[in-house]
Amino acid sequence: MKLFGWIRDLFLKVLKVIKPIMMAVFDAAMQILLAKLKDIATESITKLATTDLSNEEKRNQAFKDIKTYAISKALTFDNSDIYLIIEVIHKQLKKQGIIK
């Protein structure tokens, strides 16, 4: 039991050191991306959740919706950033129970 407590304490100490570093990784650019695309991503994902499309088709359609919106607003983002937004918003909506 002492070994488990020692490992747990070590893990908690390491976590305290790593957490600020991980927060820095999630930098201002990602926060701006979230702010600019959150509404359209939420709308698209919520709408697509009720369709009979496969998960891949839903992801692709959400990507198209967000990319079209970004282009119309003269916003430029990497495709990987848009896919990341889709995953973040999807996870958030599932956690809140808005979608299944």
PDB file of N, CA and C in Angstrom:
ATOM      1  N   MET A   1       0.815  -1.196   0.000  1.00  0.00           N
ATOM      2  CA  MET A   1       0.000   0.000   0.000  1.00  0.00           C
ATOM      3  C   MET A   1       0.859   1.259   0.000  1.00  0.00           C
ATOM      4  N   LYS A   2       2.018   1.205   0.673  1.00  0.00           N
ATOM      5  CA  LYS A   2       2.886   2.369   0.709  1.00  0.00           C
ATOM      6  C   LYS A   2       3.406   2.695  -0.690  1.00  0.00           C
ATOM      7  N   LEU A   3       3.660   1.671  -1.471  1.00  0.00           N
ATOM      8  CA  LEU A   3       4.153   1.868  -2.828  1.00  0.00           C
ATOM      9  C   LEU A   3       3.096   2.577  -3.668  1.00  0.00           C
ATOM     10  N   PHE A   4       1.848   2.148  -3.519  1.00  0.00           N
ATOM     11  CA  PHE A   4       0.761   2.788  -4.257  1.00  0.00           C
ATOM     12  C   PHE A   4       0.644   4.261  -3.878  1.00  0.00           C
ATOM     13  N   GLY A   5       0.715   4.559  -2.589  1.00  0.00           N
ATOM     14  CA  GLY A   5       0.644   5.946  -2.134  1.00  0.00           C
ATOM     15  C   GLY A   5       1.798   6.777  -2.661  1.00  0.00           C
ATOM     16  N   TRP A   6       2.970   6.198  -2.690  1.00  0.00           N
ATOM     17  CA  TRP A   6       4.150   6.904  -3.199  1.00  0.00           C
ATOM     18  C   TRP A   6       3.995   7.201  -4.688  1.00  0.00           C
ATOM     19  N   ILE A   7       3.518   6.212  -5.443  1.00  0.00           N
ATOM     20  CA  ILE A   7       3.310   6.404  -6.891  1.00  0.00           C
ATOM     21  C   ILE A   7       2.234   7.454  -7.129  1.00  0.00           C
ATOM     22  N   ARG A   8       1.161   7.404  -6.362  1.00  0.00           N
ATOM     23  CA  ARG A   8       0.086   8.384  -6.499  1.00  0.00           C
ATOM     24  C   ARG A   8       0.591   9.800  -6.207  1.00  0.00           C
ATOM     25  N   ASP A   9       1.348   9.966  -5.150  1.00  0.00           N
ATOM     26  CA  ASP A   9       1.897  11.276  -4.787  1.00  0.00           C
ATOM     27  C   ASP A   9       2.843  11.790  -5.862  1.00  0.00           C
ATOM     28  N   LEU A  10       3.660  10.894  -6.387  1.00  0.00           N
ATOM     29  CA  LEU A  10       4.572  11.267  -7.463  1.00  0.00           C
ATOM     30  C   LEU A  10       3.800  11.711  -8.691  1.00  0.00           C
ATOM     31  N   PHE A  11       2.763  10.953  -9.037  1.00  0.00           N
ATOM     32  CA  PHE A  11       1.929  11.307 -10.184  1.00  0.00           C
ATOM     33  C   PHE A  11       1.290  12.676 -10.004  1.00  0.00           C
ATOM     34  N   LEU A  12       0.769  12.957  -8.824  1.00  0.00           N
ATOM     35  CA  LEU A  12       0.142  14.249  -8.559  1.00  0.00           C
ATOM     36  C   LEU A  12       1.145  15.401  -8.657  1.00  0.00           C
ATOM     37  N   LYS A  13       2.366  15.179  -8.188  1.00  0.00           N
ATOM     38  CA  LYS A  13       3.407  16.206  -8.290  1.00  0.00           C
ATOM     39  C   LYS A  13       3.774  16.459  -9.746  1.00  0.00           C
ATOM     40  N   VAL A  14       3.928  15.385 -10.503  1.00  0.00           N
ATOM     41  CA  VAL A  14       4.251  15.521 -11.926  1.00  0.00           C
ATOM     42  C   VAL A  14       3.116  16.234 -12.647  1.00  0.00           C
ATOM     43  N   LEU A  15       1.889  15.893 -12.321  1.00  0.00           N
ATOM     44  CA  LEU A  15       0.723  16.528 -12.938  1.00  0.00           C
ATOM     45  C   LEU A  15       0.698  18.029 -12.668  1.00  0.00           C
ATOM     46  N   LYS A  16       1.050  18.434 -11.459  1.00  0.00           N
ATOM     47  CA  LYS A  16       1.093  19.861 -11.116  1.00  0.00           C
ATOM     48  C   LYS A  16       2.119  20.601 -11.956  1.00  0.00           C
ATOM     49  N   VAL A  17       3.213  19.949 -12.292  1.00  0.00           N
ATOM     50  CA  VAL A  17       4.258  20.570 -13.102  1.00  0.00           C
ATOM     51  C   VAL A  17       3.850  20.601 -14.576  1.00  0.00           C
ATOM     52  N   ILE A  18       3.241  19.530 -15.036  1.00  0.00           N
ATOM     53  CA  ILE A  18       2.909  19.413 -16.456  1.00  0.00           C
ATOM     54  C   ILE A  18       1.683  20.234 -16.846  1.00  0.00           C
ATOM     55  N   LYS A  19       0.745  20.399 -15.952  1.00  0.00           N
ATOM     56  CA  LYS A  19      -0.502  21.083 -16.278  1.00  0.00           C
ATOM     57  C   LYS A  19      -0.273  22.479 -16.864  1.00  0.00           C
ATOM     58  N   PRO A  20       0.541  23.337 -16.278  1.00  0.00           N
ATOM     59  CA  PRO A  20       0.760  24.655 -16.883  1.00  0.00           C
ATOM     60  C   PRO A  20       1.387  24.566 -18.280  1.00  0.00           C
ATOM     61  N   ILE A  21       2.238  23.582 -18.465  1.00  0.00           N
ATOM     62  CA  ILE A  21       2.858  23.406 -19.783  1.00  0.00           C
ATOM     63  C   ILE A  21       1.798  23.007 -20.801  1.00  0.00           C
ATOM     64  N   MET A  22       0.931  22.093 -20.429  1.00  0.00           N
ATOM     65  CA  MET A  22      -0.127  21.650 -21.337  1.00  0.00           C
ATOM     66  C   MET A  22      -1.106  22.786 -21.637  1.00  0.00           C
ATOM     67  N   MET A  23      -1.363  23.599 -20.656  1.00  0.00           N
ATOM     68  CA  MET A  23      -2.248  24.742 -20.889  1.00  0.00           C
ATOM     69  C   MET A  23      -1.620  25.730 -21.867  1.00  0.00           C
ATOM     70  N   ALA A  24      -0.313  25.881 -21.796  1.00  0.00           N
ATOM     71  CA  ALA A  24       0.382  26.771 -22.721  1.00  0.00           C
ATOM     72  C   ALA A  24       0.333  26.234 -24.142  1.00  0.00           C
ATOM     73  N   VAL A  25       0.333  24.900 -24.264  1.00  0.00           N
ATOM     74  CA  VAL A  25       0.251  24.288 -25.584  1.00  0.00           C
ATOM     75  C   VAL A  25      -1.072  24.651 -26.246  1.00  0.00           C
ATOM     76  N   PHE A  26      -2.125  24.674 -25.450  1.00  0.00           N
ATOM     77  CA  PHE A  26      -3.431  25.086 -25.951  1.00  0.00           C
ATOM     78  C   PHE A  26      -3.428  26.605 -25.996  1.00  0.00           C
ATOM     79  N   ASP A  27      -2.725  27.148 -26.954  1.00  0.00           N
ATOM     80  CA  ASP A  27      -2.379  28.567 -27.000  1.00  0.00           C
ATOM     81  C   ASP A  27      -3.504  29.474 -27.487  1.00  0.00           C
ATOM     82  N   ALA A  28      -3.183  30.723 -27.621  1.00  0.00           N
ATOM     83  CA  ALA A  28      -4.148  31.744 -28.013  1.00  0.00           C
ATOM     84  C   ALA A  28      -4.745  31.471 -29.388  1.00  0.00           C
ATOM     85  N   ALA A  29      -3.969  30.922 -30.295  1.00  0.00           N
ATOM     86  CA  ALA A  29      -4.480  30.640 -31.639  1.00  0.00           C
ATOM     87  C   ALA A  29      -5.639  29.651 -31.581  1.00  0.00           C
ATOM     88  N   MET A  30      -5.513  28.627 -30.746  1.00  0.00           N
ATOM     89  CA  MET A  30      -6.589  27.652 -30.624  1.00  0.00           C
ATOM     90  C   MET A  30      -7.808  28.275 -29.968  1.00  0.00           C
ATOM     91  N   GLN A  31      -7.586  29.152 -29.010  1.00  0.00           N
ATOM     92  CA  GLN A  31      -8.708  29.829 -28.367  1.00  0.00           C
ATOM     93  C   GLN A  31      -9.444  30.727 -29.364  1.00  0.00           C
ATOM     94  N   ILE A  32      -8.699  31.394 -30.235  1.00  0.00           N
ATOM     95  CA  ILE A  32      -9.310  32.229 -31.272  1.00  0.00           C
ATOM     96  C   ILE A  32     -10.098  31.356 -32.232  1.00  0.00           C
ATOM     97  N   LEU A  33      -9.509  30.240 -32.617  1.00  0.00           N
ATOM     98  CA  LEU A  33     -10.186  29.299 -33.505  1.00  0.00           C
ATOM     99  C   LEU A  33     -11.497  28.833 -32.891  1.00  0.00           C
ATOM    100  N   LEU A  34     -11.453  28.448 -31.643  1.00  0.00           N
ATOM    101  CA  LEU A  34     -12.671  28.015 -30.959  1.00  0.00           C
ATOM    102  C   LEU A  34     -13.718  29.121 -30.933  1.00  0.00           C
ATOM    103  N   ALA A  35     -13.296  30.315 -30.629  1.00  0.00           N
ATOM    104  CA  ALA A  35     -14.237  31.433 -30.531  1.00  0.00           C
ATOM    105  C   ALA A  35     -14.897  31.722 -31.873  1.00  0.00           C
ATOM    106  N   LYS A  36     -14.121  31.673 -32.942  1.00  0.00           N
ATOM    107  CA  LYS A  36     -14.649  32.026 -34.262  1.00  0.00           C
ATOM    108  C   LYS A  36     -15.507  30.929 -34.879  1.00  0.00           C
ATOM    109  N   LEU A  37     -15.235  29.681 -34.566  1.00  0.00           N
ATOM    110  CA  LEU A  37     -15.929  28.582 -35.231  1.00  0.00           C
ATOM    111  C   LEU A  37     -16.864  27.786 -34.321  1.00  0.00           C
ATOM    112  N   LYS A  38     -16.924  28.120 -33.050  1.00  0.00           N
ATOM    113  CA  LYS A  38     -17.721  27.342 -32.093  1.00  0.00           C
ATOM    114  C   LYS A  38     -19.200  27.298 -32.484  1.00  0.00           C
ATOM    115  N   ASP A  39     -19.773  28.420 -32.821  1.00  0.00           N
ATOM    116  CA  ASP A  39     -21.213  28.462 -33.111  1.00  0.00           C
ATOM    117  C   ASP A  39     -21.579  27.635 -34.330  1.00  0.00           C
ATOM    118  N   ILE A  40     -20.842  27.811 -35.424  1.00  0.00           N
ATOM    119  CA  ILE A  40     -21.154  27.062 -36.643  1.00  0.00           C
ATOM    120  C   ILE A  40     -20.886  25.578 -36.430  1.00  0.00           C
ATOM    121  N   ALA A  41     -19.836  25.235 -35.703  1.00  0.00           N
ATOM    122  CA  ALA A  41     -19.530  23.828 -35.439  1.00  0.00           C
ATOM    123  C   ALA A  41     -20.624  23.194 -34.584  1.00  0.00           C
ATOM    124  N   THR A  42     -21.054  23.889 -33.553  1.00  0.00           N
ATOM    125  CA  THR A  42     -22.117  23.384 -32.685  1.00  0.00           C
ATOM    126  C   THR A  42     -23.397  23.175 -33.468  1.00  0.00           C
ATOM    127  N   GLU A  43     -23.750  24.145 -34.291  1.00  0.00           N
ATOM    128  CA  GLU A  43     -24.963  24.058 -35.104  1.00  0.00           C
ATOM    129  C   GLU A  43     -24.893  22.871 -36.072  1.00  0.00           C
ATOM    130  N   SER A  44     -23.794  22.750 -36.756  1.00  0.00           N
ATOM    131  CA  SER A  44     -23.633  21.686 -37.739  1.00  0.00           C
ATOM    132  C   SER A  44     -23.645  20.308 -37.087  1.00  0.00           C
ATOM    133  N   ILE A  45     -22.894  20.135 -36.013  1.00  0.00           N
ATOM    134  CA  ILE A  45     -22.801  18.834 -35.342  1.00  0.00           C
ATOM    135  C   ILE A  45     -24.155  18.442 -34.744  1.00  0.00           C
ATOM    136  N   THR A  46     -24.838  19.385 -34.146  1.00  0.00           N
ATOM    137  CA  THR A  46     -26.147  19.106 -33.567  1.00  0.00           C
ATOM    138  C   THR A  46     -27.136  18.685 -34.646  1.00  0.00           C
ATOM    139  N   LYS A  47     -27.113  19.387 -35.772  1.00  0.00           N
ATOM    140  CA  LYS A  47     -28.010  19.062 -36.884  1.00  0.00           C
ATOM    141  C   LYS A  47     -27.693  17.682 -37.442  1.00  0.00           C
ATOM    142  N   LEU A  48     -26.434  17.388 -37.626  1.00  0.00           N
ATOM    143  CA  LEU A  48     -26.024  16.118 -38.220  1.00  0.00           C
ATOM    144  C   LEU A  48     -26.229  14.930 -37.287  1.00  0.00           C
ATOM    145  N   ALA A  49     -26.282  15.165 -35.993  1.00  0.00           N
ATOM    146  CA  ALA A  49     -26.444  14.073 -35.027  1.00  0.00           C
ATOM    147  C   ALA A  49     -27.760  13.339 -35.210  1.00  0.00           C
ATOM    148  N   THR A  50     -28.748  13.997 -35.776  1.00  0.00           N
ATOM    149  CA  THR A  50     -30.070  13.388 -35.946  1.00  0.00           C
ATOM    150  C   THR A  50     -30.237  12.713 -37.299  1.00  0.00           C
ATOM    151  N   THR A  51     -29.206  12.710 -38.121  1.00  0.00           N
ATOM    152  CA  THR A  51     -29.301  12.097 -39.445  1.00  0.00           C
ATOM    153  C   THR A  51     -28.911  10.625 -39.398  1.00  0.00           C
ATOM    154  N   ASP A  52     -29.161   9.940 -40.510  1.00  0.00           N
ATOM    155  CA  ASP A  52     -28.809   8.523 -40.623  1.00  0.00           C
ATOM    156  C   ASP A  52     -27.431   8.324 -41.254  1.00  0.00           C
ATOM    157  N   LEU A  53     -26.666   9.379 -41.375  1.00  0.00           N
ATOM    158  CA  LEU A  53     -25.346   9.277 -41.984  1.00  0.00           C
ATOM    159  C   LEU A  53     -24.392   8.510 -41.067  1.00  0.00           C
ATOM    160  N   SER A  54     -23.355   7.930 -41.654  1.00  0.00           N
ATOM    161  CA  SER A  54     -22.322   7.283 -40.844  1.00  0.00           C
ATOM    162  C   SER A  54     -21.505   8.358 -40.131  1.00  0.00           C
ATOM    163  N   ASN A  55     -20.743   7.957 -39.143  1.00  0.00           N
ATOM    164  CA  ASN A  55     -19.915   8.921 -38.408  1.00  0.00           C
ATOM    165  C   ASN A  55     -18.940   9.632 -39.339  1.00  0.00           C
ATOM    166  N   GLU A  56     -18.368   8.892 -40.283  1.00  0.00           N
ATOM    167  CA  GLU A  56     -17.425   9.487 -41.241  1.00  0.00           C
ATOM    168  C   GLU A  56     -18.125  10.512 -42.121  1.00  0.00           C
ATOM    169  N   GLU A  57     -19.326  10.200 -42.572  1.00  0.00           N
ATOM    170  CA  GLU A  57     -20.089  11.133 -43.409  1.00  0.00           C
ATOM    171  C   GLU A  57     -20.478  12.378 -42.609  1.00  0.00           C
ATOM    172  N   LYS A  58     -20.846  12.179 -41.354  1.00  0.00           N
ATOM    173  CA  LYS A  58     -21.182  13.320 -40.493  1.00  0.00           C
ATOM    174  C   LYS A  58     -19.965  14.220 -40.297  1.00  0.00           C
ATOM    175  N   ARG A  59     -18.818  13.609 -40.041  1.00  0.00           N
ATOM    176  CA  ARG A  59     -17.579  14.367 -39.839  1.00  0.00           C
ATOM    177  C   ARG A  59     -17.226  15.157 -41.103  1.00  0.00           C
ATOM    178  N   ASN A  60     -17.352  14.514 -42.250  1.00  0.00           N
ATOM    179  CA  ASN A  60     -17.046  15.185 -43.519  1.00  0.00           C
ATOM    180  C   ASN A  60     -18.015  16.327 -43.801  1.00  0.00           C
ATOM    181  N   GLN A  61     -19.294  16.124 -43.511  1.00  0.00           N
ATOM    182  CA  GLN A  61     -20.274  17.184 -43.739  1.00  0.00           C
ATOM    183  C   GLN A  61     -20.047  18.349 -42.767  1.00  0.00           C
ATOM    184  N   ALA A  62     -19.752  18.051 -41.521  1.00  0.00           N
ATOM    185  CA  ALA A  62     -19.452  19.119 -40.557  1.00  0.00           C
ATOM    186  C   ALA A  62     -18.226  19.895 -41.018  1.00  0.00           C
ATOM    187  N   PHE A  63     -17.228  19.176 -41.515  1.00  0.00           N
ATOM    188  CA  PHE A  63     -16.029  19.832 -42.041  1.00  0.00           C
ATOM    189  C   PHE A  63     -16.398  20.779 -43.178  1.00  0.00           C
ATOM    190  N   LYS A  64     -17.220  20.312 -44.107  1.00  0.00           N
ATOM    191  CA  LYS A  64     -17.636  21.159 -45.242  1.00  0.00           C
ATOM    192  C   LYS A  64     -18.385  22.396 -44.760  1.00  0.00           C
ATOM    193  N   ASP A  65     -19.297  22.203 -43.800  1.00  0.00           N
ATOM    194  CA  ASP A  65     -20.067  23.336 -43.270  1.00  0.00           C
ATOM    195  C   ASP A  65     -19.138  24.384 -42.652  1.00  0.00           C
ATOM    196  N   ILE A  66     -18.208  23.924 -41.839  1.00  0.00           N
ATOM    197  CA  ILE A  66     -17.296  24.838 -41.145  1.00  0.00           C
ATOM    198  C   ILE A  66     -16.346  25.496 -42.129  1.00  0.00           C
ATOM    199  N   LYS A  67     -15.820  24.726 -43.071  1.00  0.00           N
ATOM    200  CA  LYS A  67     -14.887  25.263 -44.069  1.00  0.00           C
ATOM    201  C   LYS A  67     -15.580  26.317 -44.927  1.00  0.00           C
ATOM    202  N   THR A  68     -16.818  26.047 -45.348  1.00  0.00           N
ATOM    203  CA  THR A  68     -17.589  27.016 -46.142  1.00  0.00           C
ATOM    204  C   THR A  68     -17.804  28.304 -45.359  1.00  0.00           C
ATOM    205  N   TYR A  69     -18.155  28.165 -44.090  1.00  0.00           N
ATOM    206  CA  TYR A  69     -18.337  29.332 -43.227  1.00  0.00           C
ATOM    207  C   TYR A  69     -17.035  30.120 -43.095  1.00  0.00           C
ATOM    208  N   ALA A  70     -15.948  29.414 -42.842  1.00  0.00           N
ATOM    209  CA  ALA A  70     -14.650  30.074 -42.669  1.00  0.00           C
ATOM    210  C   ALA A  70     -14.259  30.835 -43.936  1.00  0.00           C
ATOM    211  N   ILE A  71     -14.473  30.230 -45.089  1.00  0.00           N
ATOM    212  CA  ILE A  71     -14.143  30.895 -46.364  1.00  0.00           C
ATOM    213  C   ILE A  71     -15.018  32.127 -46.549  1.00  0.00           C
ATOM    214  N   SER A  72     -16.310  32.011 -46.220  1.00  0.00           N
ATOM    215  CA  SER A  72     -17.222  33.156 -46.391  1.00  0.00           C
ATOM    216  C   SER A  72     -16.847  34.326 -45.486  1.00  0.00           C
ATOM    217  N   LYS A  73     -16.192  34.032 -44.361  1.00  0.00           N
ATOM    218  CA  LYS A  73     -15.770  35.076 -43.424  1.00  0.00           C
ATOM    219  C   LYS A  73     -14.299  35.437 -43.594  1.00  0.00           C
ATOM    220  N   ALA A  74     -13.681  34.915 -44.653  1.00  0.00           N
ATOM    221  CA  ALA A  74     -12.261  35.168 -44.962  1.00  0.00           C
ATOM    222  C   ALA A  74     -11.338  34.725 -43.823  1.00  0.00           C
ATOM    223  N   LEU A  75     -11.697  33.614 -43.189  1.00  0.00           N
ATOM    224  CA  LEU A  75     -10.876  33.033 -42.134  1.00  0.00           C
ATOM    225  C   LEU A  75     -10.080  31.881 -42.734  1.00  0.00           C
ATOM    226  N   THR A  76      -8.813  31.803 -42.394  1.00  0.00           N
ATOM    227  CA  THR A  76      -8.003  30.711 -42.912  1.00  0.00           C
ATOM    228  C   THR A  76      -7.505  29.851 -41.761  1.00  0.00           C
ATOM    229  N   PHE A  77      -7.815  28.578 -41.860  1.00  0.00           N
ATOM    230  CA  PHE A  77      -7.396  27.597 -40.868  1.00  0.00           C
ATOM    231  C   PHE A  77      -6.937  26.358 -41.600  1.00  0.00           C
ATOM    232  N   ASP A  78      -6.038  25.624 -40.983  1.00  0.00           N
ATOM    233  CA  ASP A  78      -5.625  24.331 -41.531  1.00  0.00           C
ATOM    234  C   ASP A  78      -6.774  23.346 -41.391  1.00  0.00           C
ATOM    235  N   ASN A  79      -6.816  22.391 -42.296  1.00  0.00           N
ATOM    236  CA  ASN A  79      -7.846  21.350 -42.209  1.00  0.00           C
ATOM    237  C   ASN A  79      -7.774  20.623 -40.879  1.00  0.00           C
ATOM    238  N   SER A  80      -6.563  20.375 -40.387  1.00  0.00           N
ATOM    239  CA  SER A  80      -6.412  19.668 -39.112  1.00  0.00           C
ATOM    240  C   SER A  80      -7.004  20.476 -37.958  1.00  0.00           C
ATOM    241  N   ASP A  81      -6.926  21.801 -38.040  1.00  0.00           N
ATOM    242  CA  ASP A  81      -7.531  22.641 -37.003  1.00  0.00           C
ATOM    243  C   ASP A  81      -9.050  22.493 -37.008  1.00  0.00           C
ATOM    244  N   ILE A  82      -9.630  22.429 -38.196  1.00  0.00           N
ATOM    245  CA  ILE A  82     -11.084  22.285 -38.299  1.00  0.00           C
ATOM    246  C   ILE A  82     -11.518  20.916 -37.770  1.00  0.00           C
ATOM    247  N   TYR A  83     -10.772  19.878 -38.126  1.00  0.00           N
ATOM    248  CA  TYR A  83     -11.099  18.551 -37.598  1.00  0.00           C
ATOM    249  C   TYR A  83     -10.965  18.522 -36.072  1.00  0.00           C
ATOM    250  N   LEU A  84      -9.982  19.226 -35.543  1.00  0.00           N
ATOM    251  CA  LEU A  84      -9.816  19.297 -34.094  1.00  0.00           C
ATOM    252  C   LEU A  84     -11.010  19.996 -33.451  1.00  0.00           C
ATOM    253  N   ILE A  85     -11.472  21.076 -34.060  1.00  0.00           N
ATOM    254  CA  ILE A  85     -12.654  21.784 -33.556  1.00  0.00           C
ATOM    255  C   ILE A  85     -13.857  20.852 -33.549  1.00  0.00           C
ATOM    256  N   ILE A  86     -14.027  20.084 -34.610  1.00  0.00           N
ATOM    257  CA  ILE A  86     -15.140  19.143 -34.681  1.00  0.00           C
ATOM    258  C   ILE A  86     -15.068  18.156 -33.517  1.00  0.00           C
ATOM    259  N   GLU A  87     -13.896  17.622 -33.259  1.00  0.00           N
ATOM    260  CA  GLU A  87     -13.741  16.652 -32.169  1.00  0.00           C
ATOM    261  C   GLU A  87     -13.996  17.292 -30.804  1.00  0.00           C
ATOM    262  N   VAL A  88     -13.480  18.491 -30.593  1.00  0.00           N
ATOM    263  CA  VAL A  88     -13.650  19.178 -29.310  1.00  0.00           C
ATOM    264  C   VAL A  88     -15.125  19.500 -29.058  1.00  0.00           C
ATOM    265  N   ILE A  89     -15.788  20.067 -30.052  1.00  0.00           N
ATOM    266  CA  ILE A  89     -17.195  20.438 -29.897  1.00  0.00           C
ATOM    267  C   ILE A  89     -18.060  19.194 -29.752  1.00  0.00           C
ATOM    268  N   HIS A  90     -17.773  18.163 -30.538  1.00  0.00           N
ATOM    269  CA  HIS A  90     -18.534  16.914 -30.443  1.00  0.00           C
ATOM    270  C   HIS A  90     -18.432  16.318 -29.037  1.00  0.00           C
ATOM    271  N   LYS A  91     -17.224  16.269 -28.526  1.00  0.00           N
ATOM    272  CA  LYS A  91     -17.014  15.721 -27.181  1.00  0.00           C
ATOM    273  C   LYS A  91     -17.755  16.560 -26.139  1.00  0.00           C
ATOM    274  N   GLN A  92     -17.714  17.867 -26.303  1.00  0.00           N
ATOM    275  CA  GLN A  92     -18.388  18.766 -25.371  1.00  0.00           C
ATOM    276  C   GLN A  92     -19.910  18.563 -25.415  1.00  0.00           C
ATOM    277  N   LEU A  93     -20.474  18.440 -26.613  1.00  0.00           N
ATOM    278  CA  LEU A  93     -21.907  18.237 -26.755  1.00  0.00           C
ATOM    279  C   LEU A  93     -22.341  16.885 -26.176  1.00  0.00           C
ATOM    280  N   LYS A  94     -21.525  15.859 -26.352  1.00  0.00           N
ATOM    281  CA  LYS A  94     -21.820  14.547 -25.771  1.00  0.00           C
ATOM    282  C   LYS A  94     -21.781  14.618 -24.246  1.00  0.00           C
ATOM    283  N   LYS A  95     -20.786  15.300 -23.728  1.00  0.00           N
ATOM    284  CA  LYS A  95     -20.638  15.419 -22.276  1.00  0.00           C
ATOM    285  C   LYS A  95     -21.837  16.145 -21.661  1.00  0.00           C
ATOM    286  N   GLN A  96     -22.357  17.137 -22.395  1.00  0.00           N
ATOM    287  CA  GLN A  96     -23.512  17.893 -21.916  1.00  0.00           C
ATOM    288  C   GLN A  96     -24.832  17.150 -22.157  1.00  0.00           C
ATOM    289  N   GLY A  97     -24.766  16.039 -22.876  1.00  0.00           N
ATOM    290  CA  GLY A  97     -25.975  15.259 -23.148  1.00  0.00           C
ATOM    291  C   GLY A  97     -26.833  15.815 -24.261  1.00  0.00           C
ATOM    292  N   ILE A  98     -26.301  16.745 -25.038  1.00  0.00           N
ATOM    293  CA  ILE A  98     -27.068  17.352 -26.123  1.00  0.00           C
ATOM    294  C   ILE A  98     -27.178  16.384 -27.297  1.00  0.00           C
ATOM    295  N   ILE A  99     -26.130  15.601 -27.521  1.00  0.00           N
ATOM    296  CA  ILE A  99     -26.153  14.579 -28.562  1.00  0.00           C
ATOM    297  C   ILE A  99     -25.725  13.254 -27.949  1.00  0.00           C
ATOM    298  N   LYS A 100     -25.991  12.179 -28.685  1.00  0.00           N
ATOM    299  CA  LYS A 100     -25.607  10.841 -28.198  1.00  0.00           C
ATOM    300  C   LYS A 100     -24.337  10.393 -28.855  1.00  0.00           C
TER     301      LYS A 100
END
